[in-house]
Amino acid sequence: MAFELKEEGFKLRNVLVVVGIPEATYHYHIHQLKKEDPDKELKEIIRELFQKHGQRYGYRRIHLELRAKGYQINHKKVQRIMRELRLKCEKFTRKSRYKSYKGTVGKVAKNRLNRRFNTSIPLQKLVTDVTEFKCAGNEKLYLSPILDLYNGEIVSYGMSRKPTLDFVIQPLNQAIEIITNKAEYRTTIHSDQGWQYQHRKWVNTLKTNKIFQSMSRKATCADNATMENFFGIMKQEMYYGEALMSYEELKQKIEEFIYYYNNERIKLKLAGLCPVKYRTQTSQSAA
């Protein structure tokens, strides 16, 4: 800037007087501009982490990732840098809600869970539900996962073009195999009052395997809030704001997300660990 002013025949000192800037202030800012950004490396790492997790992580999870990598950094600084870099997850809502309730068509179980969503015992409390996705070509995809309240892990799941009985029985049988081999205490499986969960086949399968059945009260989604929360996270992070996909494309994307959710996506309430790592670390500690 000083060079350009001299070329035009102006003296820097005179110009600074006119614009009201002290000469010392001018030289200070010129010096600062020449200095390399001390957070340059950190900013690149934050960008990489943000992209690695599909732009799903906010500053809290980015902060935990950085701490896990050995960076001693305040979460407020991470928040400031992400705001400066404009790293923010922005999704849009595409409402699609499946209602499986068709009145009392079988046996309605009592609410054993009663919103007690916490447990320190793996496979003691499981929750399940069905959710709906819209696909390209007016198709739909239905997902039925079973989630362990111990660590939020999806222990089994099924997908189908139609919400049939066999569609929810398949992940139940997968979960039963895991329960039979690994559960230390009697398991309770909680659901809403959807017709599949009132059906004789579902009820008898639980009884045969000595699993307690629990159901939400009618039209009370808060009784199964953890499952609803999982659906919300999944749709927000991999479905909303995206173009409609074919059934097979969406099926693959959901499979990839569930693997990511179980094995990579950290949870604040699990001390910054993903569900699988939390389970394996706590089981090793207990041993």
Protein backbone atom coordinates (compact mmCIF):
# COMPACT_ATOMS: atom_id res chain seq x y z
CA MET A 1 0.00 0.00 0.00
CA ALA A 2 2.87 2.42 0.92
CA PHE A 3 4.54 1.68 -2.43
CA GLU A 4 1.34 2.47 -4.34
CA LEU A 5 0.91 5.74 -2.49
CA LYS A 6 4.44 6.87 -3.35
CA GLU A 7 3.93 6.02 -7.00
CA GLU A 8 0.94 8.32 -7.06
CA GLY A 9 3.00 11.10 -5.44
CA PHE A 10 1.37 10.89 -1.98
CA LYS A 11 3.25 10.48 1.27
CA LEU A 12 1.94 7.72 3.54
CA ARG A 13 2.14 9.92 6.64
CA ASN A 14 -0.03 12.61 5.05
CA VAL A 15 -2.65 10.09 3.88
CA LEU A 16 -2.89 8.54 7.36
CA VAL A 17 -3.46 11.98 8.84
CA VAL A 18 -6.32 12.61 6.41
CA VAL A 19 -8.05 9.26 7.09
CA GLY A 20 -7.43 9.53 10.83
CA ILE A 21 -5.34 6.38 11.35
CA PRO A 22 -2.24 6.52 13.58
CA GLU A 23 0.91 5.40 11.78
CA ALA A 24 1.69 2.83 14.47
CA THR A 25 -1.76 1.28 14.04
CA TYR A 26 -1.24 1.06 10.28
CA HIS A 27 2.10 -0.73 10.62
CA TYR A 28 0.68 -3.08 13.26
CA HIS A 29 -2.09 -4.27 10.92
CA ILE A 30 0.35 -4.62 8.01
CA HIS A 31 2.50 -6.82 10.25
CA GLN A 32 -0.50 -8.91 11.32
CA LEU A 33 -1.51 -9.49 7.70
CA LYS A 34 1.94 -10.83 6.92
CA LYS A 35 1.84 -13.28 9.83
CA GLU A 36 0.75 -16.84 9.07
CA ASP A 37 -2.55 -17.94 10.64
CA PRO A 38 -1.58 -19.85 13.83
CA ASP A 39 -4.76 -21.96 13.53
CA LYS A 40 -4.20 -22.91 9.89
CA GLU A 41 -3.41 -26.59 10.62
CA LEU A 42 -6.24 -26.85 13.15
CA LYS A 43 -8.72 -25.38 10.67
CA GLU A 44 -7.73 -27.96 8.06
CA ILE A 45 -8.23 -30.79 10.55
CA ILE A 46 -11.64 -29.42 11.54
CA ARG A 47 -12.63 -29.20 7.87
CA GLU A 48 -11.51 -32.81 7.31
CA LEU A 49 -13.46 -34.09 10.34
CA PHE A 50 -16.56 -32.17 9.27
CA GLN A 51 -16.41 -33.70 5.77
CA LYS A 52 -15.47 -37.17 7.05
CA HIS A 53 -18.69 -37.33 9.04
CA GLY A 54 -20.82 -36.16 6.14
CA GLN A 55 -21.25 -32.62 7.53
CA ARG A 56 -23.24 -34.14 10.40
CA TYR A 57 -21.06 -33.09 13.33
CA GLY A 58 -21.51 -29.87 15.31
CA TYR A 59 -18.77 -28.25 17.35
CA ARG A 60 -19.32 -30.49 20.40
CA ARG A 61 -18.57 -33.72 18.53
CA ILE A 62 -15.75 -32.09 16.56
CA HIS A 63 -14.30 -30.98 19.90
CA LEU A 64 -14.43 -34.56 21.25
CA GLU A 65 -12.79 -35.88 18.07
CA LEU A 66 -9.97 -33.34 18.44
CA ARG A 67 -9.47 -34.25 22.10
CA ALA A 68 -9.28 -37.92 21.11
CA LYS A 69 -6.52 -36.98 18.66
CA GLY A 70 -4.56 -35.32 21.46
CA TYR A 71 -5.48 -31.67 20.90
CA GLN A 72 -5.90 -29.71 24.12
CA ILE A 73 -8.45 -27.19 22.95
CA ASN A 74 -11.45 -25.41 24.40
CA HIS A 75 -14.85 -26.23 22.89
CA LYS A 76 -15.58 -22.52 22.52
CA LYS A 77 -12.57 -22.12 20.23
CA VAL A 78 -13.83 -25.00 18.08
CA GLN A 79 -17.23 -23.33 17.93
CA ARG A 80 -15.63 -20.02 16.91
CA ILE A 81 -13.51 -21.63 14.18
CA MET A 82 -16.43 -23.59 12.76
CA ARG A 83 -18.52 -20.43 12.70
CA GLU A 84 -15.65 -18.62 10.95
CA LEU A 85 -15.35 -21.44 8.39
CA ARG A 86 -19.15 -21.59 8.04
CA LEU A 87 -19.21 -25.29 8.84
CA LYS A 88 -22.81 -25.94 9.74
CA CYS A 89 -25.14 -28.84 9.04
CA GLU A 90 -28.15 -27.55 7.14
CA LYS A 91 -30.90 -30.00 6.24
CA PHE A 92 -34.50 -29.71 5.19
CA THR A 93 -37.50 -31.68 6.33
CA ARG A 94 -39.36 -34.17 4.16
CA LYS A 95 -42.17 -35.45 6.35
CA SER A 96 -43.03 -39.11 6.05
CA ARG A 97 -44.57 -40.83 9.03
CA TYR A 98 -45.83 -44.41 9.23
CA LYS A 99 -48.74 -45.17 11.52
CA SER A 100 -49.09 -48.85 12.35
CA TYR A 101 -51.85 -48.49 14.93
CA LYS A 102 -55.12 -50.08 13.77
CA GLY A 103 -56.93 -50.32 17.07
CA THR A 104 -56.91 -53.36 19.33
CA VAL A 105 -56.38 -56.25 16.91
CA GLY A 106 -54.56 -58.58 19.30
CA LYS A 107 -53.04 -58.41 22.77
CA VAL A 108 -51.94 -55.06 24.21
CA ALA A 109 -49.14 -55.43 26.76
CA LYS A 110 -48.61 -53.15 29.74
CA ASN A 111 -45.95 -50.47 29.71
CA ARG A 112 -43.16 -52.21 31.63
CA LEU A 113 -40.55 -49.68 30.51
CA ASN A 114 -42.57 -46.67 31.71
CA ARG A 115 -40.03 -44.22 30.18
CA ARG A 116 -37.13 -45.70 32.16
CA PHE A 117 -34.77 -45.52 29.20
CA ASN A 118 -31.49 -45.95 31.07
CA THR A 119 -29.79 -49.22 31.95
CA SER A 120 -26.26 -50.28 32.82
CA ILE A 121 -26.87 -53.82 31.57
CA PRO A 122 -26.46 -54.78 27.89
CA LEU A 123 -29.51 -56.33 26.20
CA GLN A 124 -31.73 -55.79 29.25
CA LYS A 125 -33.96 -53.17 27.61
CA LEU A 126 -34.55 -53.12 23.86
CA VAL A 127 -36.89 -50.83 21.91
CA THR A 128 -38.29 -51.13 18.40
CA ASP A 129 -40.60 -49.38 15.96
CA VAL A 130 -41.27 -48.97 12.24
CA THR A 131 -40.56 -45.87 10.18
CA GLU A 132 -41.31 -44.97 6.57
CA PHE A 133 -39.20 -43.38 3.83
CA LYS A 134 -40.34 -42.06 0.47
CA CYS A 135 -38.41 -43.32 -2.55
CA ALA A 136 -38.28 -42.25 -6.18
CA GLY A 137 -41.05 -43.56 -8.41
CA ASN A 138 -43.72 -43.39 -5.66
CA GLU A 139 -42.15 -46.34 -3.84
CA LYS A 140 -41.70 -46.55 -0.09
CA LEU A 141 -39.13 -48.18 2.16
CA TYR A 142 -39.98 -49.37 5.66
CA LEU A 143 -37.32 -49.81 8.35
CA SER A 144 -37.70 -51.81 11.55
CA PRO A 145 -34.66 -51.57 13.87
CA ILE A 146 -34.18 -52.92 17.39
CA LEU A 147 -32.11 -50.66 19.64
CA ASP A 148 -30.34 -51.49 22.90
CA LEU A 149 -30.95 -48.80 25.53
CA TYR A 150 -27.65 -49.73 27.21
CA ASN A 151 -25.55 -47.96 24.56
CA GLY A 152 -27.95 -46.91 21.79
CA GLU A 153 -26.64 -49.61 19.46
CA ILE A 154 -28.84 -50.99 16.67
CA VAL A 155 -28.59 -54.72 17.35
CA SER A 156 -30.69 -55.80 14.35
CA TYR A 157 -32.93 -54.34 11.67
CA GLY A 158 -35.04 -55.21 8.65
CA MET A 159 -36.15 -53.31 5.54
CA SER A 160 -39.03 -53.92 3.17
CA ARG A 161 -41.24 -52.32 0.54
CA LYS A 162 -44.28 -53.21 2.65
CA PRO A 163 -44.79 -53.18 6.45
CA THR A 164 -45.70 -56.86 6.74
CA LEU A 165 -45.59 -59.07 9.82
CA ASP A 166 -42.59 -61.06 8.58
CA PHE A 167 -40.76 -57.77 8.04
CA VAL A 168 -40.73 -57.07 11.83
CA ILE A 169 -40.31 -60.72 12.84
CA GLN A 170 -37.01 -60.99 10.91
CA PRO A 171 -35.07 -58.45 13.05
CA LEU A 172 -36.75 -59.89 16.16
CA ASN A 173 -35.32 -63.34 15.38
CA GLN A 174 -31.90 -61.80 14.77
CA ALA A 175 -32.07 -60.04 18.12
CA ILE A 176 -33.20 -63.23 19.88
CA GLU A 177 -30.11 -65.04 18.60
CA ILE A 178 -27.91 -62.32 20.12
CA ILE A 179 -29.92 -62.31 23.37
CA THR A 180 -29.66 -66.10 23.69
CA ASN A 181 -25.87 -66.01 23.37
CA LYS A 182 -25.01 -62.81 25.24
CA ALA A 183 -27.76 -61.52 27.55
CA GLU A 184 -27.02 -61.89 31.27
CA TYR A 185 -30.46 -60.79 32.47
CA ARG A 186 -33.99 -61.29 31.20
CA THR A 187 -34.72 -58.97 28.29
CA THR A 188 -37.66 -56.62 27.82
CA ILE A 189 -38.60 -55.46 24.31
CA HIS A 190 -40.68 -52.29 24.11
CA SER A 191 -42.75 -51.07 21.14
CA ASP A 192 -45.82 -49.01 20.36
CA GLN A 193 -49.26 -50.60 19.89
CA GLY A 194 -48.77 -51.23 16.18
CA TRP A 195 -50.71 -54.16 14.80
CA GLN A 196 -47.55 -56.21 14.20
CA TYR A 197 -46.67 -56.05 17.91
CA GLN A 198 -50.17 -57.09 18.94
CA HIS A 199 -50.10 -60.05 16.56
CA ARG A 200 -50.13 -63.55 18.02
CA LYS A 201 -46.89 -64.50 16.25
CA TRP A 202 -44.95 -61.59 17.79
CA VAL A 203 -46.42 -62.20 21.25
CA ASN A 204 -45.77 -65.96 21.15
CA THR A 205 -42.23 -65.51 19.86
CA LEU A 206 -41.43 -63.33 22.87
CA LYS A 207 -43.09 -65.77 25.29
CA THR A 208 -41.28 -68.76 23.83
CA ASN A 209 -37.94 -67.04 24.32
CA LYS A 210 -38.84 -65.75 27.81
CA ILE A 211 -38.70 -62.10 26.78
CA PHE A 212 -40.93 -59.56 28.53
CA GLN A 213 -43.17 -57.51 26.24
CA SER A 214 -43.78 -53.82 26.87
CA MET A 215 -45.92 -51.33 24.96
CA SER A 216 -46.36 -47.57 24.89
CA ARG A 217 -49.70 -46.11 25.82
CA LYS A 218 -51.98 -45.35 22.90
CA ALA A 219 -50.81 -42.37 20.78
CA THR A 220 -47.99 -41.52 23.21
CA CYS A 221 -44.77 -41.39 21.23
CA ALA A 222 -42.85 -40.09 24.28
CA ASP A 223 -43.16 -43.60 25.76
CA ASN A 224 -40.75 -44.75 23.03
CA ALA A 225 -38.71 -41.52 22.83
CA THR A 226 -35.32 -43.18 22.32
CA MET A 227 -36.47 -44.95 19.18
CA GLU A 228 -38.12 -41.79 17.90
CA ASN A 229 -34.89 -39.91 18.58
CA PHE A 230 -32.90 -42.42 16.52
CA PHE A 231 -35.28 -42.03 13.59
CA GLY A 232 -34.95 -38.27 13.86
CA ILE A 233 -31.15 -38.37 13.87
CA MET A 234 -30.98 -40.80 10.96
CA LYS A 235 -33.38 -38.85 8.74
CA GLN A 236 -31.79 -35.53 9.61
CA GLU A 237 -28.28 -36.75 8.83
CA MET A 238 -28.77 -38.88 5.72
CA TYR A 239 -32.26 -38.36 4.28
CA TYR A 240 -33.67 -34.85 4.66
CA GLY A 241 -32.43 -32.41 2.05
CA GLU A 242 -31.38 -35.18 -0.35
CA ALA A 243 -32.96 -35.99 -3.69
CA LEU A 244 -35.35 -38.97 -3.66
CA MET A 245 -33.49 -42.21 -4.37
CA SER A 246 -34.58 -45.58 -5.69
CA TYR A 247 -35.49 -48.25 -3.14
CA GLU A 248 -32.19 -50.10 -3.61
CA GLU A 249 -30.10 -46.91 -3.37
CA LEU A 250 -31.84 -45.84 -0.18
CA LYS A 251 -31.56 -49.35 1.27
CA GLN A 252 -27.79 -49.28 0.77
CA LYS A 253 -27.53 -45.78 2.23
CA ILE A 254 -29.45 -46.84 5.35
CA GLU A 255 -27.23 -49.90 5.79
CA GLU A 256 -24.16 -47.67 5.56
CA PHE A 257 -25.62 -45.19 8.03
CA ILE A 258 -26.48 -47.85 10.61
CA TYR A 259 -22.93 -49.21 10.40
CA TYR A 260 -21.61 -45.65 10.78
CA TYR A 261 -24.00 -44.97 13.69
CA ASN A 262 -22.91 -48.11 15.56
CA ASN A 263 -19.18 -48.06 14.81
CA GLU A 264 -18.11 -44.46 14.18
CA ARG A 265 -20.61 -41.83 15.28
CA ILE A 266 -19.67 -40.72 18.79
CA LYS A 267 -22.30 -40.02 21.44
CA LEU A 268 -21.80 -37.36 24.08
CA LYS A 269 -23.50 -39.43 26.79
CA LEU A 270 -21.16 -42.36 26.05
CA ALA A 271 -18.11 -40.29 27.03
CA GLY A 272 -17.39 -39.46 23.41
CA LEU A 273 -17.40 -43.09 22.22
CA CYS A 274 -19.48 -44.77 19.54
CA PRO A 275 -21.94 -47.48 20.74
CA VAL A 276 -19.80 -50.48 19.74
CA LYS A 277 -16.59 -49.06 21.24
CA TYR A 278 -18.46 -48.21 24.45
CA ARG A 279 -19.80 -51.77 24.69
CA THR A 280 -16.42 -53.39 24.06
CA GLN A 281 -14.53 -51.08 26.44
CA THR A 282 -17.00 -51.50 29.28
CA SER A 283 -17.07 -55.29 28.84
CA GLN A 284 -13.25 -55.37 28.97
CA SER A 285 -13.28 -53.21 32.11
CA ALA A 286 -15.78 -55.53 33.75
CA ALA A 287 -13.63 -58.53 32.91
